[in-house]
Amino acid sequence: MLVTAGILLFVATATIAQVLPEAAPQLGHYFADVSFYQAAIPTYYGGIMTFAWATDNEALRSLSTEIIAARFHTAALTCRYYNPAIHTAAFALPQYLHDALSAQ
């Protein structure tokens, strides 16, 4: 069971462009905010893996880079890769996924 402010994340599929138009409305039936994001996974066949994001807390996905930067600064973390801009950009989708979503 998902808590009230929880986030459901899962690997969506390898052929996401075909499944996305069906998956988004199905998840949307249960969650207020549904989206997808991708990550480069070098050991995964094809290299790109798509994940689904679903939550009832619509504010979670709308955090500005400035808020994330303030939290990052407060945490006083030293990272070689991660920074607030990378965090924000990680949720940008390529055009073919935007096209698949708009086809629904």
N, C-alpha and C. Protein backbone atom coordinates (compact mmCIF):
# COMPACT_ATOMS: atom_id res chain seq x y z
N MET A 1 0.84 -1.18 0.00
CA MET A 1 0.00 0.00 0.00
C MET A 1 0.88 1.23 0.00
N LEU A 2 0.52 2.21 -0.79
CA LEU A 2 1.25 3.46 -0.92
C LEU A 2 0.74 4.46 0.11
N VAL A 3 1.66 5.10 0.81
CA VAL A 3 1.24 6.11 1.78
C VAL A 3 0.72 7.34 1.05
N THR A 4 0.02 8.21 1.76
CA THR A 4 -0.65 9.35 1.14
C THR A 4 0.29 10.21 0.31
N ALA A 5 1.48 10.51 0.80
CA ALA A 5 2.41 11.38 0.07
C ALA A 5 3.47 10.56 -0.67
N GLY A 6 3.23 9.28 -0.84
CA GLY A 6 4.22 8.40 -1.45
C GLY A 6 4.34 8.55 -2.95
N ILE A 7 5.39 7.92 -3.47
CA ILE A 7 5.64 7.92 -4.90
C ILE A 7 5.80 6.47 -5.34
N LEU A 8 5.13 6.09 -6.41
CA LEU A 8 5.29 4.78 -7.01
C LEU A 8 6.24 4.93 -8.18
N LEU A 9 7.35 4.22 -8.16
CA LEU A 9 8.32 4.23 -9.26
C LEU A 9 8.53 2.79 -9.70
N PHE A 10 8.57 2.57 -11.01
CA PHE A 10 8.87 1.23 -11.49
C PHE A 10 9.37 1.28 -12.92
N VAL A 11 10.08 0.23 -13.31
CA VAL A 11 10.56 0.11 -14.69
C VAL A 11 9.32 -0.10 -15.54
N ALA A 12 9.16 0.74 -16.53
CA ALA A 12 7.96 0.67 -17.35
C ALA A 12 8.07 -0.44 -18.39
N THR A 13 8.99 -0.32 -19.35
CA THR A 13 9.14 -1.34 -20.38
C THR A 13 10.25 -0.95 -21.34
N ALA A 14 10.72 -1.90 -22.09
CA ALA A 14 11.73 -1.62 -23.11
C ALA A 14 11.11 -0.94 -24.32
N THR A 15 9.87 -1.27 -24.63
CA THR A 15 9.19 -0.69 -25.80
C THR A 15 8.19 0.36 -25.33
N ILE A 16 8.69 1.30 -24.57
CA ILE A 16 7.82 2.26 -23.90
C ILE A 16 6.97 3.08 -24.85
N ALA A 17 7.49 3.43 -26.01
CA ALA A 17 6.71 4.27 -26.93
C ALA A 17 5.41 3.59 -27.35
N GLN A 18 5.41 2.25 -27.40
CA GLN A 18 4.19 1.52 -27.75
C GLN A 18 3.25 1.39 -26.55
N VAL A 19 3.81 1.29 -25.35
CA VAL A 19 3.01 1.03 -24.16
C VAL A 19 2.58 2.31 -23.44
N LEU A 20 3.35 3.36 -23.60
CA LEU A 20 3.10 4.61 -22.89
C LEU A 20 1.68 5.14 -23.05
N PRO A 21 1.13 5.19 -24.26
CA PRO A 21 -0.24 5.72 -24.40
C PRO A 21 -1.27 4.92 -23.60
N GLU A 22 -1.01 3.65 -23.34
CA GLU A 22 -1.92 2.84 -22.54
C GLU A 22 -1.62 2.96 -21.05
N ALA A 23 -0.34 3.00 -20.70
CA ALA A 23 0.07 3.00 -19.30
C ALA A 23 -0.32 4.30 -18.59
N ALA A 24 -0.16 5.44 -19.26
CA ALA A 24 -0.44 6.73 -18.62
C ALA A 24 -1.89 6.83 -18.14
N PRO A 25 -2.89 6.56 -18.98
CA PRO A 25 -4.26 6.66 -18.48
C PRO A 25 -4.61 5.61 -17.44
N GLN A 26 -4.01 4.42 -17.55
CA GLN A 26 -4.28 3.39 -16.55
C GLN A 26 -3.76 3.83 -15.18
N LEU A 27 -2.54 4.37 -15.13
CA LEU A 27 -2.00 4.87 -13.87
C LEU A 27 -2.78 6.11 -13.42
N GLY A 28 -3.18 6.94 -14.38
CA GLY A 28 -3.93 8.15 -14.07
C GLY A 28 -5.27 7.88 -13.41
N HIS A 29 -5.79 6.69 -13.59
CA HIS A 29 -7.03 6.29 -12.93
C HIS A 29 -6.84 6.22 -11.42
N TYR A 30 -5.63 5.89 -10.97
CA TYR A 30 -5.34 5.69 -9.56
C TYR A 30 -4.54 6.82 -8.91
N PHE A 31 -3.81 7.61 -9.73
CA PHE A 31 -2.91 8.63 -9.19
C PHE A 31 -3.18 9.99 -9.84
N ALA A 32 -3.00 11.06 -9.06
CA ALA A 32 -3.22 12.41 -9.57
C ALA A 32 -2.12 12.86 -10.52
N ASP A 33 -0.90 12.41 -10.32
CA ASP A 33 0.24 12.84 -11.14
C ASP A 33 0.97 11.62 -11.68
N VAL A 34 1.02 11.52 -12.99
CA VAL A 34 1.68 10.39 -13.66
C VAL A 34 2.66 10.95 -14.68
N SER A 35 3.87 10.43 -14.67
CA SER A 35 4.86 10.84 -15.64
C SER A 35 5.85 9.71 -15.85
N PHE A 36 6.83 9.98 -16.69
CA PHE A 36 7.85 8.99 -16.99
C PHE A 36 9.20 9.68 -17.05
N TYR A 37 10.25 8.93 -16.85
CA TYR A 37 11.60 9.46 -17.00
C TYR A 37 12.49 8.34 -17.49
N GLN A 38 13.65 8.70 -17.98
CA GLN A 38 14.57 7.72 -18.54
C GLN A 38 15.94 7.84 -17.89
N ALA A 39 16.69 6.75 -17.94
CA ALA A 39 18.07 6.75 -17.46
C ALA A 39 18.90 5.88 -18.39
N ALA A 40 20.14 6.28 -18.55
CA ALA A 40 21.08 5.46 -19.33
C ALA A 40 21.60 4.36 -18.42
N ILE A 41 21.35 3.12 -18.83
CA ILE A 41 21.79 1.95 -18.07
C ILE A 41 22.70 1.15 -19.01
N PRO A 42 24.01 1.33 -18.92
CA PRO A 42 24.93 0.70 -19.88
C PRO A 42 24.81 -0.82 -19.97
N THR A 43 24.42 -1.48 -18.88
CA THR A 43 24.32 -2.94 -18.91
C THR A 43 22.97 -3.42 -19.45
N TYR A 44 22.05 -2.50 -19.71
CA TYR A 44 20.74 -2.86 -20.23
C TYR A 44 20.78 -2.87 -21.76
N TYR A 45 20.23 -3.88 -22.38
CA TYR A 45 20.19 -3.98 -23.83
C TYR A 45 19.51 -2.74 -24.39
N GLY A 46 20.19 -2.00 -25.21
CA GLY A 46 19.66 -0.77 -25.76
C GLY A 46 20.12 0.46 -25.01
N GLY A 47 20.54 0.29 -23.76
CA GLY A 47 21.13 1.38 -22.99
C GLY A 47 20.18 2.32 -22.28
N ILE A 48 18.95 2.48 -22.77
CA ILE A 48 18.00 3.41 -22.16
C ILE A 48 16.88 2.62 -21.50
N MET A 49 16.62 2.92 -20.25
CA MET A 49 15.52 2.28 -19.53
C MET A 49 14.52 3.37 -19.13
N THR A 50 13.25 3.10 -19.30
CA THR A 50 12.21 4.07 -18.97
C THR A 50 11.51 3.64 -17.69
N PHE A 51 11.23 4.61 -16.84
CA PHE A 51 10.59 4.37 -15.55
C PHE A 51 9.29 5.16 -15.47
N ALA A 52 8.34 4.63 -14.75
CA ALA A 52 7.08 5.33 -14.51
C ALA A 52 7.12 5.98 -13.13
N TRP A 53 6.47 7.12 -13.02
CA TRP A 53 6.35 7.88 -11.78
C TRP A 53 4.87 8.12 -11.55
N ALA A 54 4.38 7.82 -10.38
CA ALA A 54 2.97 8.08 -10.07
C ALA A 54 2.85 8.45 -8.60
N THR A 55 2.05 9.48 -8.32
CA THR A 55 1.84 9.94 -6.95
C THR A 55 0.54 10.73 -6.88
N ASP A 56 0.04 10.91 -5.68
CA ASP A 56 -1.11 11.79 -5.47
C ASP A 56 -0.65 13.18 -5.04
N ASN A 57 0.63 13.36 -4.81
CA ASN A 57 1.17 14.65 -4.40
C ASN A 57 1.75 15.35 -5.63
N GLU A 58 0.93 16.13 -6.29
CA GLU A 58 1.34 16.78 -7.54
C GLU A 58 2.46 17.80 -7.35
N ALA A 59 2.67 18.27 -6.15
CA ALA A 59 3.72 19.27 -5.89
C ALA A 59 5.12 18.67 -5.98
N LEU A 60 5.25 17.38 -5.81
CA LEU A 60 6.59 16.77 -5.79
C LEU A 60 7.35 16.96 -7.08
N ARG A 61 6.67 16.88 -8.21
CA ARG A 61 7.34 16.98 -9.50
C ARG A 61 7.53 18.42 -9.96
N SER A 62 7.00 19.36 -9.20
CA SER A 62 7.10 20.75 -9.62
C SER A 62 8.09 21.55 -8.77
N LEU A 63 8.96 20.88 -8.05
CA LEU A 63 9.98 21.60 -7.27
C LEU A 63 10.94 22.29 -8.23
N SER A 64 11.21 23.55 -7.96
CA SER A 64 12.11 24.31 -8.83
C SER A 64 13.56 23.90 -8.58
N THR A 65 14.40 24.19 -9.55
CA THR A 65 15.82 23.93 -9.39
C THR A 65 16.37 24.73 -8.20
N GLU A 66 15.82 25.91 -7.96
CA GLU A 66 16.27 26.73 -6.84
C GLU A 66 15.98 26.06 -5.50
N ILE A 67 14.81 25.46 -5.35
CA ILE A 67 14.47 24.75 -4.10
C ILE A 67 15.38 23.54 -3.94
N ILE A 68 15.58 22.80 -5.01
CA ILE A 68 16.46 21.64 -4.95
C ILE A 68 17.89 22.08 -4.61
N ALA A 69 18.33 23.21 -5.18
CA ALA A 69 19.67 23.74 -4.90
C ALA A 69 19.81 24.13 -3.42
N ALA A 70 18.78 24.75 -2.87
CA ALA A 70 18.81 25.13 -1.45
C ALA A 70 18.91 23.89 -0.56
N ARG A 71 18.14 22.88 -0.88
CA ARG A 71 18.20 21.63 -0.10
C ARG A 71 19.56 20.95 -0.24
N PHE A 72 20.08 20.98 -1.44
CA PHE A 72 21.40 20.38 -1.70
C PHE A 72 22.47 21.12 -0.90
N HIS A 73 22.40 22.45 -0.90
CA HIS A 73 23.36 23.26 -0.15
C HIS A 73 23.26 22.96 1.35
N THR A 74 22.04 22.87 1.87
CA THR A 74 21.82 22.58 3.29
C THR A 74 22.37 21.21 3.66
N ALA A 75 22.26 20.26 2.75
CA ALA A 75 22.76 18.90 3.03
C ALA A 75 24.29 18.84 3.03
N ALA A 76 24.93 19.85 2.47
CA ALA A 76 26.40 19.94 2.43
C ALA A 76 27.05 18.69 1.83
N LEU A 77 26.47 18.22 0.75
CA LEU A 77 27.01 17.04 0.08
C LEU A 77 28.08 17.44 -0.93
N THR A 78 29.06 16.58 -1.10
CA THR A 78 30.05 16.75 -2.15
C THR A 78 29.87 15.61 -3.12
N CYS A 79 29.52 15.94 -4.36
CA CYS A 79 29.24 14.91 -5.36
C CYS A 79 30.08 15.17 -6.62
N ARG A 80 30.49 14.11 -7.27
CA ARG A 80 31.23 14.24 -8.52
C ARG A 80 30.29 14.38 -9.72
N TYR A 81 29.11 13.82 -9.64
CA TYR A 81 28.18 13.85 -10.77
C TYR A 81 26.94 14.69 -10.47
N TYR A 82 26.28 14.37 -9.37
CA TYR A 82 24.99 14.99 -9.07
C TYR A 82 25.12 16.47 -8.73
N ASN A 83 24.14 17.24 -9.23
CA ASN A 83 23.94 18.62 -8.81
C ASN A 83 22.47 18.95 -9.09
N PRO A 84 21.96 20.04 -8.57
CA PRO A 84 20.53 20.36 -8.75
C PRO A 84 20.08 20.46 -10.21
N ALA A 85 20.93 20.95 -11.08
CA ALA A 85 20.55 21.05 -12.50
C ALA A 85 20.42 19.66 -13.13
N ILE A 86 21.31 18.74 -12.76
CA ILE A 86 21.21 17.35 -13.24
C ILE A 86 19.91 16.73 -12.74
N HIS A 87 19.56 17.01 -11.49
CA HIS A 87 18.33 16.47 -10.92
C HIS A 87 17.12 16.92 -11.74
N THR A 88 17.04 18.21 -12.01
CA THR A 88 15.92 18.75 -12.79
C THR A 88 15.90 18.18 -14.20
N ALA A 89 17.05 18.13 -14.84
CA ALA A 89 17.14 17.65 -16.22
C ALA A 89 16.84 16.15 -16.34
N ALA A 90 17.02 15.41 -15.27
CA ALA A 90 16.80 13.96 -15.31
C ALA A 90 15.35 13.62 -15.67
N PHE A 91 14.44 14.55 -15.45
CA PHE A 91 13.03 14.28 -15.72
C PHE A 91 12.56 14.81 -17.07
N ALA A 92 13.47 15.37 -17.86
CA ALA A 92 13.12 15.81 -19.21
C ALA A 92 12.99 14.59 -20.12
N LEU A 93 11.96 14.59 -20.95
CA LEU A 93 11.72 13.45 -21.84
C LEU A 93 12.14 13.77 -23.27
N PRO A 94 12.62 12.76 -24.00
CA PRO A 94 12.93 12.98 -25.41
C PRO A 94 11.63 13.16 -26.22
N GLN A 95 11.76 13.72 -27.40
CA GLN A 95 10.59 14.07 -28.20
C GLN A 95 9.71 12.86 -28.52
N TYR A 96 10.30 11.70 -28.80
CA TYR A 96 9.46 10.55 -29.16
C TYR A 96 8.54 10.12 -28.01
N LEU A 97 8.95 10.37 -26.76
CA LEU A 97 8.05 10.06 -25.64
C LEU A 97 6.98 11.14 -25.49
N HIS A 98 7.33 12.41 -25.74
CA HIS A 98 6.31 13.46 -25.76
C HIS A 98 5.26 13.14 -26.82
N ASP A 99 5.73 12.71 -28.00
CA ASP A 99 4.79 12.36 -29.08
C ASP A 99 3.89 11.21 -28.68
N ALA A 100 4.46 10.20 -28.02
CA ALA A 100 3.66 9.05 -27.59
C ALA A 100 2.63 9.46 -26.55
N LEU A 101 3.01 10.33 -25.63
CA LEU A 101 2.07 10.80 -24.61
C LEU A 101 0.96 11.66 -25.21
N SER A 102 1.29 12.49 -26.19
CA SER A 102 0.28 13.36 -26.79
C SER A 102 -0.67 12.57 -27.68
N ALA A 103 -0.31 11.35 -28.05
CA ALA A 103 -1.16 10.51 -28.91
C ALA A 103 -2.30 9.86 -28.14
N GLN A 104 -2.28 9.97 -26.81
CA GLN A 104 -3.32 9.31 -26.03
C GLN A 104 -4.63 10.04 -26.04
